[in-house]
Amino acid sequence: MLNKKVLIIEDEIDISELEEMILKPENFDVRVVSDPLLAVKVASDFLPDVILLDLNLPKLSGWELYDMFRSDVRFSSTPIAIVTASDEGIDKMIGMMKNTDAYITKPFGRRQLLDTVNKLCSR
């Protein structure tokens, strides 16, 4: 059986390393991108089953990147989980309006991340 692929778009190294440490032992194939301008290219090569997307990115906001993925036919139905330190109501409201697949607030627990990724992979 092929491992499910997870693309992590995160500019904070400690967070992306934590996500990798949680997912890799569970046999997920993980790629990390810290530069949002490279994210669509990496996704095109990797073809992830799930995308974990930080909102607070340099050069491009997470919401702009989210919209880019949703407008690209290759990723329009790929589940995207927003993973962010922002617990502001406005970001959650935007997420609801955009029909995000999941919203994880940092700090998150191991079980929360795994449950969310497994749920999104089973779609």
PDB file of N, CA and C in Angstrom:
ATOM      1  N   MET A   1       0.843  -1.183   0.000  1.00  0.00           N
ATOM      2  CA  MET A   1       0.000   0.000   0.000  1.00  0.00           C
ATOM      3  C   MET A   1       0.886   1.243   0.000  1.00  0.00           C
ATOM      4  N   LEU A   2       0.541   2.213  -0.827  1.00  0.00           N
ATOM      5  CA  LEU A   2       1.299   3.446  -0.890  1.00  0.00           C
ATOM      6  C   LEU A   2       1.004   4.322   0.324  1.00  0.00           C
ATOM      7  N   ASN A   3       2.042   4.996   0.818  1.00  0.00           N
ATOM      8  CA  ASN A   3       1.865   5.910   1.935  1.00  0.00           C
ATOM      9  C   ASN A   3       1.131   7.148   1.459  1.00  0.00           C
ATOM     10  N   LYS A   4       0.318   7.704   2.328  1.00  0.00           N
ATOM     11  CA  LYS A   4      -0.371   8.952   2.022  1.00  0.00           C
ATOM     12  C   LYS A   4       0.643  10.084   2.078  1.00  0.00           C
ATOM     13  N   LYS A   5       0.471  11.043   1.189  1.00  0.00           N
ATOM     14  CA  LYS A   5       1.408  12.154   1.068  1.00  0.00           C
ATOM     15  C   LYS A   5       0.849  13.399   1.728  1.00  0.00           C
ATOM     16  N   VAL A   6       1.686  14.037   2.559  1.00  0.00           N
ATOM     17  CA  VAL A   6       1.294  15.255   3.254  1.00  0.00           C
ATOM     18  C   VAL A   6       2.303  16.348   2.920  1.00  0.00           C
ATOM     19  N   LEU A   7       1.797  17.463   2.406  1.00  0.00           N
ATOM     20  CA  LEU A   7       2.629  18.630   2.141  1.00  0.00           C
ATOM     21  C   LEU A   7       2.427  19.628   3.270  1.00  0.00           C
ATOM     22  N   ILE A   8       3.523  19.979   3.937  1.00  0.00           N
ATOM     23  CA  ILE A   8       3.499  20.956   5.022  1.00  0.00           C
ATOM     24  C   ILE A   8       4.052  22.269   4.479  1.00  0.00           C
ATOM     25  N   ILE A   9       3.253  23.321   4.573  1.00  0.00           N
ATOM     26  CA  ILE A   9       3.697  24.651   4.160  1.00  0.00           C
ATOM     27  C   ILE A   9       3.779  25.479   5.431  1.00  0.00           C
ATOM     28  N   GLU A  10       5.007  25.648   5.919  1.00  0.00           N
ATOM     29  CA  GLU A  10       5.261  26.238   7.245  1.00  0.00           C
ATOM     30  C   GLU A  10       6.629  26.890   7.245  1.00  0.00           C
ATOM     31  N   ASP A  11       6.698  28.144   7.677  1.00  0.00           N
ATOM     32  CA  ASP A  11       7.992  28.838   7.693  1.00  0.00           C
ATOM     33  C   ASP A  11       8.713  28.728   9.032  1.00  0.00           C
ATOM     34  N   GLU A  12       8.042  28.258  10.065  1.00  0.00           N
ATOM     35  CA  GLU A  12       8.689  28.070  11.367  1.00  0.00           C
ATOM     36  C   GLU A  12       9.266  26.657  11.418  1.00  0.00           C
ATOM     37  N   ILE A  13      10.594  26.574  11.444  1.00  0.00           N
ATOM     38  CA  ILE A  13      11.273  25.282  11.371  1.00  0.00           C
ATOM     39  C   ILE A  13      10.878  24.360  12.517  1.00  0.00           C
ATOM     40  N   ASP A  14      10.759  24.899  13.725  1.00  0.00           N
ATOM     41  CA  ASP A  14      10.411  24.041  14.858  1.00  0.00           C
ATOM     42  C   ASP A  14       9.025  23.422  14.694  1.00  0.00           C
ATOM     43  N   ILE A  15       8.097  24.150  14.114  1.00  0.00           N
ATOM     44  CA  ILE A  15       6.746  23.617  13.903  1.00  0.00           C
ATOM     45  C   ILE A  15       6.759  22.567  12.795  1.00  0.00           C
ATOM     46  N   SER A  16       7.429  22.848  11.686  1.00  0.00           N
ATOM     47  CA  SER A  16       7.453  21.871  10.591  1.00  0.00           C
ATOM     48  C   SER A  16       8.184  20.595  11.022  1.00  0.00           C
ATOM     49  N   GLU A  17       9.234  20.735  11.824  1.00  0.00           N
ATOM     50  CA  GLU A  17       9.934  19.549  12.321  1.00  0.00           C
ATOM     51  C   GLU A  17       9.042  18.739  13.258  1.00  0.00           C
ATOM     52  N   LEU A  18       8.268  19.423  14.089  1.00  0.00           N
ATOM     53  CA  LEU A  18       7.333  18.732  14.975  1.00  0.00           C
ATOM     54  C   LEU A  18       6.290  17.972  14.158  1.00  0.00           C
ATOM     55  N   GLU A  19       5.735  18.617  13.143  1.00  0.00           N
ATOM     56  CA  GLU A  19       4.744  17.948  12.305  1.00  0.00           C
ATOM     57  C   GLU A  19       5.351  16.720  11.624  1.00  0.00           C
ATOM     58  N   GLU A  20       6.559  16.858  11.132  1.00  0.00           N
ATOM     59  CA  GLU A  20       7.256  15.714  10.518  1.00  0.00           C
ATOM     60  C   GLU A  20       7.465  14.595  11.534  1.00  0.00           C
ATOM     61  N   MET A  21       7.916  14.951  12.742  1.00  0.00           N
ATOM     62  CA  MET A  21       8.174  13.941  13.779  1.00  0.00           C
ATOM     63  C   MET A  21       6.900  13.195  14.163  1.00  0.00           C
ATOM     64  N   ILE A  22       5.770  13.840  14.054  1.00  0.00           N
ATOM     65  CA  ILE A  22       4.493  13.197  14.366  1.00  0.00           C
ATOM     66  C   ILE A  22       4.040  12.310  13.208  1.00  0.00           C
ATOM     67  N   LEU A  23       4.182  12.791  11.984  1.00  0.00           N
ATOM     68  CA  LEU A  23       3.608  12.099  10.828  1.00  0.00           C
ATOM     69  C   LEU A  23       4.479  10.978  10.259  1.00  0.00           C
ATOM     70  N   LYS A  24       5.777  11.178  10.189  1.00  0.00           N
ATOM     71  CA  LYS A  24       6.643  10.174   9.548  1.00  0.00           C
ATOM     72  C   LYS A  24       6.595   8.804  10.229  1.00  0.00           C
ATOM     73  N   PRO A  25       6.621   8.722  11.565  1.00  0.00           N
ATOM     74  CA  PRO A  25       6.542   7.394  12.191  1.00  0.00           C
ATOM     75  C   PRO A  25       5.215   6.672  11.917  1.00  0.00           C
ATOM     76  N   GLU A  26       4.210   7.438  11.485  1.00  0.00           N
ATOM     77  CA  GLU A  26       2.915   6.847  11.142  1.00  0.00           C
ATOM     78  C   GLU A  26       2.836   6.519   9.651  1.00  0.00           C
ATOM     79  N   ASN A  27       4.004   6.515   8.994  1.00  0.00           N
ATOM     80  CA  ASN A  27       4.157   6.117   7.588  1.00  0.00           C
ATOM     81  C   ASN A  27       3.554   7.099   6.582  1.00  0.00           C
ATOM     82  N   PHE A  28       3.496   8.364   6.941  1.00  0.00           N
ATOM     83  CA  PHE A  28       3.115   9.381   5.972  1.00  0.00           C
ATOM     84  C   PHE A  28       4.366   9.815   5.225  1.00  0.00           C
ATOM     85  N   ASP A  29       4.217  10.030   3.932  1.00  0.00           N
ATOM     86  CA  ASP A  29       5.285  10.578   3.103  1.00  0.00           C
ATOM     87  C   ASP A  29       5.140  12.096   3.209  1.00  0.00           C
ATOM     88  N   VAL A  30       6.125  12.767   3.785  1.00  0.00           N
ATOM     89  CA  VAL A  30       6.011  14.186   4.132  1.00  0.00           C
ATOM     90  C   VAL A  30       7.013  15.014   3.343  1.00  0.00           C
ATOM     91  N   ARG A  31       6.544  16.151   2.846  1.00  0.00           N
ATOM     92  CA  ARG A  31       7.413  17.169   2.243  1.00  0.00           C
ATOM     93  C   ARG A  31       7.110  18.482   2.947  1.00  0.00           C
ATOM     94  N   VAL A  32       8.159  19.274   3.134  1.00  0.00           N
ATOM     95  CA  VAL A  32       8.013  20.567   3.807  1.00  0.00           C
ATOM     96  C   VAL A  32       8.467  21.674   2.864  1.00  0.00           C
ATOM     97  N   VAL A  33       7.683  22.731   2.811  1.00  0.00           N
ATOM     98  CA  VAL A  33       8.028  23.925   2.043  1.00  0.00           C
ATOM     99  C   VAL A  33       7.924  25.111   2.993  1.00  0.00           C
ATOM    100  N   SER A  34       8.993  25.902   3.070  1.00  0.00           N
ATOM    101  CA  SER A  34       8.951  27.085   3.930  1.00  0.00           C
ATOM    102  C   SER A  34       8.676  28.358   3.128  1.00  0.00           C
ATOM    103  N   ASP A  35       8.907  28.311   1.837  1.00  0.00           N
ATOM    104  CA  ASP A  35       8.684  29.467   0.972  1.00  0.00           C
ATOM    105  C   ASP A  35       7.363  29.285   0.227  1.00  0.00           C
ATOM    106  N   PRO A  36       6.364  30.101   0.536  1.00  0.00           N
ATOM    107  CA  PRO A  36       5.062  29.916  -0.099  1.00  0.00           C
ATOM    108  C   PRO A  36       5.089  30.100  -1.618  1.00  0.00           C
ATOM    109  N   LEU A  37       6.064  30.834  -2.118  1.00  0.00           N
ATOM    110  CA  LEU A  37       6.154  31.035  -3.565  1.00  0.00           C
ATOM    111  C   LEU A  37       6.553  29.753  -4.291  1.00  0.00           C
ATOM    112  N   LEU A  38       7.127  28.794  -3.560  1.00  0.00           N
ATOM    113  CA  LEU A  38       7.500  27.505  -4.141  1.00  0.00           C
ATOM    114  C   LEU A  38       6.450  26.424  -3.899  1.00  0.00           C
ATOM    115  N   ALA A  39       5.455  26.724  -3.093  1.00  0.00           N
ATOM    116  CA  ALA A  39       4.511  25.706  -2.640  1.00  0.00           C
ATOM    117  C   ALA A  39       3.746  25.034  -3.769  1.00  0.00           C
ATOM    118  N   VAL A  40       3.238  25.800  -4.724  1.00  0.00           N
ATOM    119  CA  VAL A  40       2.457  25.201  -5.806  1.00  0.00           C
ATOM    120  C   VAL A  40       3.344  24.323  -6.685  1.00  0.00           C
ATOM    121  N   LYS A  41       4.574  24.751  -6.930  1.00  0.00           N
ATOM    122  CA  LYS A  41       5.517  23.943  -7.720  1.00  0.00           C
ATOM    123  C   LYS A  41       5.811  22.614  -7.019  1.00  0.00           C
ATOM    124  N   VAL A  42       6.104  22.688  -5.721  1.00  0.00           N
ATOM    125  CA  VAL A  42       6.383  21.461  -4.967  1.00  0.00           C
ATOM    126  C   VAL A  42       5.148  20.561  -4.960  1.00  0.00           C
ATOM    127  N   ALA A  43       3.986  21.151  -4.754  1.00  0.00           N
ATOM    128  CA  ALA A  43       2.747  20.370  -4.753  1.00  0.00           C
ATOM    129  C   ALA A  43       2.520  19.711  -6.111  1.00  0.00           C
ATOM    130  N   SER A  44       2.840  20.406  -7.177  1.00  0.00           N
ATOM    131  CA  SER A  44       2.669  19.855  -8.528  1.00  0.00           C
ATOM    132  C   SER A  44       3.553  18.630  -8.742  1.00  0.00           C
ATOM    133  N   ASP A  45       4.750  18.659  -8.190  1.00  0.00           N
ATOM    134  CA  ASP A  45       5.662  17.525  -8.310  1.00  0.00           C
ATOM    135  C   ASP A  45       5.304  16.392  -7.349  1.00  0.00           C
ATOM    136  N   PHE A  46       4.851  16.746  -6.156  1.00  0.00           N
ATOM    137  CA  PHE A  46       4.622  15.782  -5.081  1.00  0.00           C
ATOM    138  C   PHE A  46       3.214  15.179  -5.115  1.00  0.00           C
ATOM    139  N   LEU A  47       2.223  15.958  -5.539  1.00  0.00           N
ATOM    140  CA  LEU A  47       0.811  15.560  -5.577  1.00  0.00           C
ATOM    141  C   LEU A  47       0.327  15.028  -4.219  1.00  0.00           C
ATOM    142  N   PRO A  48       0.243  15.914  -3.231  1.00  0.00           N
ATOM    143  CA  PRO A  48      -0.128  15.480  -1.879  1.00  0.00           C
ATOM    144  C   PRO A  48      -1.583  15.048  -1.769  1.00  0.00           C
ATOM    145  N   ASP A  49      -1.822  14.175  -0.794  1.00  0.00           N
ATOM    146  CA  ASP A  49      -3.191  13.777  -0.443  1.00  0.00           C
ATOM    147  C   ASP A  49      -3.813  14.785   0.505  1.00  0.00           C
ATOM    148  N   VAL A  50      -2.965  15.465   1.279  1.00  0.00           N
ATOM    149  CA  VAL A  50      -3.396  16.472   2.256  1.00  0.00           C
ATOM    150  C   VAL A  50      -2.352  17.584   2.286  1.00  0.00           C
ATOM    151  N   ILE A  51      -2.831  18.811   2.468  1.00  0.00           N
ATOM    152  CA  ILE A  51      -1.944  19.959   2.629  1.00  0.00           C
ATOM    153  C   ILE A  51      -2.179  20.562   4.006  1.00  0.00           C
ATOM    154  N   LEU A  52      -1.089  20.767   4.760  1.00  0.00           N
ATOM    155  CA  LEU A  52      -1.140  21.485   6.031  1.00  0.00           C
ATOM    156  C   LEU A  52      -0.575  22.872   5.766  1.00  0.00           C
ATOM    157  N   LEU A  53      -1.393  23.898   5.937  1.00  0.00           N
ATOM    158  CA  LEU A  53      -1.044  25.240   5.511  1.00  0.00           C
ATOM    159  C   LEU A  53      -1.071  26.238   6.657  1.00  0.00           C
ATOM    160  N   ASP A  54       0.072  26.854   6.906  1.00  0.00           N
ATOM    161  CA  ASP A  54       0.158  27.937   7.890  1.00  0.00           C
ATOM    162  C   ASP A  54      -0.417  29.197   7.253  1.00  0.00           C
ATOM    163  N   LEU A  55      -1.029  30.057   8.055  1.00  0.00           N
ATOM    164  CA  LEU A  55      -1.572  31.315   7.529  1.00  0.00           C
ATOM    165  C   LEU A  55      -0.551  32.435   7.526  1.00  0.00           C
ATOM    166  N   ASN A  56       0.332  32.448   8.506  1.00  0.00           N
ATOM    167  CA  ASN A  56       1.291  33.540   8.664  1.00  0.00           C
ATOM    168  C   ASN A  56       2.607  33.200   7.973  1.00  0.00           C
ATOM    169  N   LEU A  57       2.634  33.442   6.679  1.00  0.00           N
ATOM    170  CA  LEU A  57       3.800  33.114   5.863  1.00  0.00           C
ATOM    171  C   LEU A  57       4.438  34.390   5.317  1.00  0.00           C
ATOM    172  N   PRO A  58       5.728  34.344   5.026  1.00  0.00           N
ATOM    173  CA  PRO A  58       6.365  35.505   4.395  1.00  0.00           C
ATOM    174  C   PRO A  58       6.009  35.558   2.905  1.00  0.00           C
ATOM    175  N   LYS A  59       6.015  36.721   2.335  1.00  0.00           N
ATOM    176  CA  LYS A  59       5.855  36.954   0.894  1.00  0.00           C
ATOM    177  C   LYS A  59       4.436  36.782   0.373  1.00  0.00           C
ATOM    178  N   LEU A  60       3.657  35.915   0.990  1.00  0.00           N
ATOM    179  CA  LEU A  60       2.318  35.587   0.503  1.00  0.00           C
ATOM    180  C   LEU A  60       1.517  35.091   1.695  1.00  0.00           C
ATOM    181  N   SER A  61       0.309  35.562   1.846  1.00  0.00           N
ATOM    182  CA  SER A  61      -0.475  35.095   2.997  1.00  0.00           C
ATOM    183  C   SER A  61      -0.967  33.670   2.750  1.00  0.00           C
ATOM    184  N   GLY A  62      -1.230  32.990   3.836  1.00  0.00           N
ATOM    185  CA  GLY A  62      -1.770  31.642   3.728  1.00  0.00           C
ATOM    186  C   GLY A  62      -3.100  31.613   2.995  1.00  0.00           C
ATOM    187  N   TRP A  63      -3.918  32.648   3.196  1.00  0.00           N
ATOM    188  CA  TRP A  63      -5.211  32.691   2.506  1.00  0.00           C
ATOM    189  C   TRP A  63      -5.029  32.879   1.005  1.00  0.00           C
ATOM    190  N   GLU A  64      -4.040  33.684   0.604  1.00  0.00           N
ATOM    191  CA  GLU A  64      -3.764  33.839  -0.831  1.00  0.00           C
ATOM    192  C   GLU A  64      -3.323  32.507  -1.429  1.00  0.00           C
ATOM    193  N   LEU A  65      -2.471  31.802  -0.702  1.00  0.00           N
ATOM    194  CA  LEU A  65      -2.000  30.498  -1.170  1.00  0.00           C
ATOM    195  C   LEU A  65      -3.155  29.494  -1.207  1.00  0.00           C
ATOM    196  N   TYR A  66      -3.998  29.533  -0.200  1.00  0.00           N
ATOM    197  CA  TYR A  66      -5.186  28.673  -0.165  1.00  0.00           C
ATOM    198  C   TYR A  66      -6.028  28.884  -1.427  1.00  0.00           C
ATOM    199  N   ASP A  67      -6.270  30.146  -1.768  1.00  0.00           N
ATOM    200  CA  ASP A  67      -7.064  30.464  -2.959  1.00  0.00           C
ATOM    201  C   ASP A  67      -6.378  29.978  -4.235  1.00  0.00           C
ATOM    202  N   MET A  68      -5.052  30.064  -4.269  1.00  0.00           N
ATOM    203  CA  MET A  68      -4.317  29.566  -5.436  1.00  0.00           C
ATOM    204  C   MET A  68      -4.524  28.063  -5.602  1.00  0.00           C
ATOM    205  N   PHE A  69      -4.448  27.318  -4.495  1.00  0.00           N
ATOM    206  CA  PHE A  69      -4.676  25.874  -4.564  1.00  0.00           C
ATOM    207  C   PHE A  69      -6.107  25.563  -5.000  1.00  0.00           C
ATOM    208  N   ARG A  70      -7.063  26.265  -4.432  1.00  0.00           N
ATOM    209  CA  ARG A  70      -8.464  25.996  -4.756  1.00  0.00           C
ATOM    210  C   ARG A  70      -8.809  26.345  -6.203  1.00  0.00           C
ATOM    211  N   SER A  71      -8.106  27.288  -6.797  1.00  0.00           N
ATOM    212  CA  SER A  71      -8.395  27.663  -8.182  1.00  0.00           C
ATOM    213  C   SER A  71      -7.634  26.786  -9.190  1.00  0.00           C
ATOM    214  N   ASP A  72      -6.753  25.939  -8.704  1.00  0.00           N
ATOM    215  CA  ASP A  72      -5.972  25.041  -9.555  1.00  0.00           C
ATOM    216  C   ASP A  72      -6.685  23.688  -9.609  1.00  0.00           C
ATOM    217  N   VAL A  73      -7.086  23.271 -10.791  1.00  0.00           N
ATOM    218  CA  VAL A  73      -7.869  22.044 -10.934  1.00  0.00           C
ATOM    219  C   VAL A  73      -7.176  20.831 -10.316  1.00  0.00           C
ATOM    220  N   ARG A  74      -5.839  20.829 -10.292  1.00  0.00           N
ATOM    221  CA  ARG A  74      -5.112  19.698  -9.716  1.00  0.00           C
ATOM    222  C   ARG A  74      -5.305  19.584  -8.210  1.00  0.00           C
ATOM    223  N   PHE A  75      -5.614  20.706  -7.550  1.00  0.00           N
ATOM    224  CA  PHE A  75      -5.705  20.710  -6.085  1.00  0.00           C
ATOM    225  C   PHE A  75      -7.047  21.208  -5.564  1.00  0.00           C
ATOM    226  N   SER A  76      -7.990  21.422  -6.450  1.00  0.00           N
ATOM    227  CA  SER A  76      -9.268  22.001  -6.026  1.00  0.00           C
ATOM    228  C   SER A  76     -10.015  21.126  -5.028  1.00  0.00           C
ATOM    229  N   SER A  77      -9.760  19.831  -5.048  1.00  0.00           N
ATOM    230  CA  SER A  77     -10.434  18.945  -4.089  1.00  0.00           C
ATOM    231  C   SER A  77      -9.470  18.320  -3.069  1.00  0.00           C
ATOM    232  N   THR A  78      -8.204  18.726  -3.101  1.00  0.00           N
ATOM    233  CA  THR A  78      -7.242  18.224  -2.114  1.00  0.00           C
ATOM    234  C   THR A  78      -7.576  18.828  -0.755  1.00  0.00           C
ATOM    235  N   PRO A  79      -7.746  17.996   0.279  1.00  0.00           N
ATOM    236  CA  PRO A  79      -8.044  18.548   1.599  1.00  0.00           C
ATOM    237  C   PRO A  79      -6.911  19.444   2.101  1.00  0.00           C
ATOM    238  N   ILE A  80      -7.303  20.604   2.626  1.00  0.00           N
ATOM    239  CA  ILE A  80      -6.344  21.551   3.178  1.00  0.00           C
ATOM    240  C   ILE A  80      -6.724  21.841   4.617  1.00  0.00           C
ATOM    241  N   ALA A  81      -5.778  21.596   5.528  1.00  0.00           N
ATOM    242  CA  ALA A  81      -5.967  21.937   6.939  1.00  0.00           C
ATOM    243  C   ALA A  81      -5.170  23.204   7.224  1.00  0.00           C
ATOM    244  N   ILE A  82      -5.839  24.190   7.751  1.00  0.00           N
ATOM    245  CA  ILE A  82      -5.170  25.412   8.185  1.00  0.00           C
ATOM    246  C   ILE A  82      -4.554  25.112   9.542  1.00  0.00           C
ATOM    247  N   VAL A  83      -3.243  25.354   9.665  1.00  0.00           N
ATOM    248  CA  VAL A  83      -2.527  25.135  10.922  1.00  0.00           C
ATOM    249  C   VAL A  83      -1.881  26.461  11.275  1.00  0.00           C
ATOM    250  N   THR A  84      -2.392  27.121  12.310  1.00  0.00           N
ATOM    251  CA  THR A  84      -1.952  28.483  12.580  1.00  0.00           C
ATOM    252  C   THR A  84      -1.979  28.835  14.059  1.00  0.00           C
ATOM    253  N   ALA A  85      -1.154  29.789  14.420  1.00  0.00           N
ATOM    254  CA  ALA A  85      -1.157  30.313  15.787  1.00  0.00           C
ATOM    255  C   ALA A  85      -2.278  31.316  15.969  1.00  0.00           C
ATOM    256  N   SER A  86      -2.855  31.747  14.876  1.00  0.00           N
ATOM    257  CA  SER A  86      -3.919  32.747  14.942  1.00  0.00           C
ATOM    258  C   SER A  86      -5.206  32.114  15.449  1.00  0.00           C
ATOM    259  N   ASP A  87      -5.663  32.592  16.594  1.00  0.00           N
ATOM    260  CA  ASP A  87      -6.961  32.126  17.087  1.00  0.00           C
ATOM    261  C   ASP A  87      -7.978  33.262  17.009  1.00  0.00           C
ATOM    262  N   GLU A  88      -7.653  34.249  16.171  1.00  0.00           N
ATOM    263  CA  GLU A  88      -8.556  35.372  15.993  1.00  0.00           C
ATOM    264  C   GLU A  88      -9.823  34.903  15.291  1.00  0.00           C
ATOM    265  N   GLY A  89     -10.931  35.433  15.738  1.00  0.00           N
ATOM    266  CA  GLY A  89     -12.215  35.053  15.167  1.00  0.00           C
ATOM    267  C   GLY A  89     -12.299  35.303  13.680  1.00  0.00           C
ATOM    268  N   ILE A  90     -11.631  36.348  13.198  1.00  0.00           N
ATOM    269  CA  ILE A  90     -11.718  36.674  11.772  1.00  0.00           C
ATOM    270  C   ILE A  90     -11.130  35.564  10.905  1.00  0.00           C
ATOM    271  N   ASP A  91     -10.004  34.972  11.322  1.00  0.00           N
ATOM    272  CA  ASP A  91      -9.419  33.885  10.539  1.00  0.00           C
ATOM    273  C   ASP A  91     -10.308  32.655  10.549  1.00  0.00           C
ATOM    274  N   LYS A  92     -10.901  32.354  11.681  1.00  0.00           N
ATOM    275  CA  LYS A  92     -11.820  31.219  11.736  1.00  0.00           C
ATOM    276  C   LYS A  92     -13.049  31.475  10.873  1.00  0.00           C
ATOM    277  N   MET A  93     -13.528  32.715  10.879  1.00  0.00           N
ATOM    278  CA  MET A  93     -14.682  33.074  10.052  1.00  0.00           C
ATOM    279  C   MET A  93     -14.338  32.954   8.563  1.00  0.00           C
ATOM    280  N   ILE A  94     -13.161  33.443   8.186  1.00  0.00           N
ATOM    281  CA  ILE A  94     -12.718  33.305   6.791  1.00  0.00           C
ATOM    282  C   ILE A  94     -12.629  31.825   6.422  1.00  0.00           C
ATOM    283  N   GLY A  95     -12.076  31.028   7.336  1.00  0.00           N
ATOM    284  CA  GLY A  95     -11.971  29.592   7.093  1.00  0.00           C
ATOM    285  C   GLY A  95     -13.326  28.945   6.871  1.00  0.00           C
ATOM    286  N   MET A  96     -14.314  29.355   7.647  1.00  0.00           N
ATOM    287  CA  MET A  96     -15.664  28.815   7.473  1.00  0.00           C
ATOM    288  C   MET A  96     -16.249  29.262   6.134  1.00  0.00           C
ATOM    289  N   MET A  97     -16.027  30.529   5.785  1.00  0.00           N
ATOM    290  CA  MET A  97     -16.547  31.050   4.515  1.00  0.00           C
ATOM    291  C   MET A  97     -15.891  30.356   3.315  1.00  0.00           C
ATOM    292  N   LYS A  98     -14.639  29.988   3.452  1.00  0.00           N
ATOM    293  CA  LYS A  98     -13.912  29.335   2.363  1.00  0.00           C
ATOM    294  C   LYS A  98     -14.075  27.815   2.398  1.00  0.00           C
ATOM    295  N   ASN A  99     -14.837  27.322   3.352  1.00  0.00           N
ATOM    296  CA  ASN A  99     -15.065  25.878   3.493  1.00  0.00           C
ATOM    297  C   ASN A  99     -13.767  25.094   3.654  1.00  0.00           C
ATOM    298  N   THR A 100     -12.876  25.588   4.523  1.00  0.00           N
ATOM    299  CA  THR A 100     -11.651  24.842   4.787  1.00  0.00           C
ATOM    300  C   THR A 100     -12.008  23.467   5.341  1.00  0.00           C
ATOM    301  N   ASP A 101     -11.139  22.526   5.108  1.00  0.00           N
ATOM    302  CA  ASP A 101     -11.399  21.156   5.530  1.00  0.00           C
ATOM    303  C   ASP A 101     -11.144  20.948   7.016  1.00  0.00           C
ATOM    304  N   ALA A 102     -10.210  21.714   7.575  1.00  0.00           N
ATOM    305  CA  ALA A 102      -9.900  21.618   9.010  1.00  0.00           C
ATOM    306  C   ALA A 102      -9.155  22.880   9.430  1.00  0.00           C
ATOM    307  N   TYR A 103      -9.230  23.190  10.721  1.00  0.00           N
ATOM    308  CA  TYR A 103      -8.569  24.370  11.276  1.00  0.00           C
ATOM    309  C   TYR A 103      -7.920  23.938  12.583  1.00  0.00           C
ATOM    310  N   ILE A 104      -6.584  23.929  12.608  1.00  0.00           N
ATOM    311  CA  ILE A 104      -5.846  23.503  13.794  1.00  0.00           C
ATOM    312  C   ILE A 104      -5.101  24.706  14.355  1.00  0.00           C
ATOM    313  N   THR A 105      -5.329  25.002  15.624  1.00  0.00           N
ATOM    314  CA  THR A 105      -4.665  26.131  16.268  1.00  0.00           C
ATOM    315  C   THR A 105      -3.423  25.643  17.001  1.00  0.00           C
ATOM    316  N   LYS A 106      -2.305  26.347  16.772  1.00  0.00           N
ATOM    317  CA  LYS A 106      -1.061  26.064  17.496  1.00  0.00           C
ATOM    318  C   LYS A 106      -1.169  26.669  18.885  1.00  0.00           C
ATOM    319  N   PRO A 107      -0.625  26.025  19.885  1.00  0.00           N
ATOM    320  CA  PRO A 107       0.028  24.721  19.839  1.00  0.00           C
ATOM    321  C   PRO A 107      -1.003  23.603  19.730  1.00  0.00           C
ATOM    322  N   PHE A 108      -0.662  22.579  19.016  1.00  0.00           N
ATOM    323  CA  PHE A 108      -1.546  21.437  18.824  1.00  0.00           C
ATOM    324  C   PHE A 108      -0.891  20.206  19.440  1.00  0.00           C
ATOM    325  N   GLY A 109      -1.691  19.218  19.695  1.00  0.00           N
ATOM    326  CA  GLY A 109      -1.190  17.963  20.245  1.00  0.00           C
ATOM    327  C   GLY A 109      -0.982  16.928  19.154  1.00  0.00           C
ATOM    328  N   ARG A 110      -0.189  15.936  19.464  1.00  0.00           N
ATOM    329  CA  ARG A 110       0.111  14.845  18.534  1.00  0.00           C
ATOM    330  C   ARG A 110      -1.172  14.183  18.034  1.00  0.00           C
ATOM    331  N   ARG A 111      -2.039  13.841  18.962  1.00  0.00           N
ATOM    332  CA  ARG A 111      -3.274  13.134  18.609  1.00  0.00           C
ATOM    333  C   ARG A 111      -4.166  13.999  17.718  1.00  0.00           C
ATOM    334  N   GLN A 112      -4.239  15.292  18.009  1.00  0.00           N
ATOM    335  CA  GLN A 112      -5.072  16.190  17.203  1.00  0.00           C
ATOM    336  C   GLN A 112      -4.577  16.232  15.757  1.00  0.00           C
ATOM    337  N   LEU A 113      -3.268  16.360  15.578  1.00  0.00           N
ATOM    338  CA  LEU A 113      -2.711  16.412  14.225  1.00  0.00           C
ATOM    339  C   LEU A 113      -2.950  15.098  13.493  1.00  0.00           C
ATOM    340  N   LEU A 114      -2.643  13.985  14.144  1.00  0.00           N
ATOM    341  CA  LEU A 114      -2.835  12.678  13.500  1.00  0.00           C
ATOM    342  C   LEU A 114      -4.296  12.414  13.162  1.00  0.00           C
ATOM    343  N   ASP A 115      -5.183  12.703  14.087  1.00  0.00           N
ATOM    344  CA  ASP A 115      -6.612  12.482  13.831  1.00  0.00           C
ATOM    345  C   ASP A 115      -7.094  13.314  12.649  1.00  0.00           C
ATOM    346  N   THR A 116      -6.656  14.555  12.595  1.00  0.00           N
ATOM    347  CA  THR A 116      -7.076  15.441  11.507  1.00  0.00           C
ATOM    348  C   THR A 116      -6.544  14.942  10.172  1.00  0.00           C
ATOM    349  N   VAL A 117      -5.264  14.613  10.104  1.00  0.00           N
ATOM    350  CA  VAL A 117      -4.667  14.149   8.846  1.00  0.00           C
ATOM    351  C   VAL A 117      -5.294  12.821   8.423  1.00  0.00           C
ATOM    352  N   ASN A 118      -5.480  11.907   9.346  1.00  0.00           N
ATOM    353  CA  ASN A 118      -6.110  10.623   9.000  1.00  0.00           C
ATOM    354  C   ASN A 118      -7.517  10.825   8.480  1.00  0.00           C
ATOM    355  N   LYS A 119      -8.269  11.698   9.115  1.00  0.00           N
ATOM    356  CA  LYS A 119      -9.640  11.983   8.679  1.00  0.00           C
ATOM    357  C   LYS A 119      -9.644  12.555   7.269  1.00  0.00           C
ATOM    358  N   LEU A 120      -8.735  13.492   7.013  1.00  0.00           N
ATOM    359  CA  LEU A 120      -8.694  14.117   5.686  1.00  0.00           C
ATOM    360  C   LEU A 120      -8.212  13.136   4.621  1.00  0.00           C
ATOM    361  N   CYS A 121      -7.321  12.240   4.989  1.00  0.00           N
ATOM    362  CA  CYS A 121      -6.836  11.235   4.026  1.00  0.00           C
ATOM    363  C   CYS A 121      -7.923  10.222   3.660  1.00  0.00           C
ATOM    364  N   SER A 122      -8.858  10.000   4.551  1.00  0.00           N
ATOM    365  CA  SER A 122      -9.885   8.987   4.307  1.00  0.00           C
ATOM    366  C   SER A 122     -11.019   9.502   3.417  1.00  0.00           C
ATOM    367  N   ARG A 123     -10.982  10.780   3.072  1.00  0.00           N
ATOM    368  CA  ARG A 123     -12.028  11.339   2.197  1.00  0.00           C
ATOM    369  C   ARG A 123     -11.901  10.837   0.788  1.00  0.00           C
TER     370      ARG A 123
END
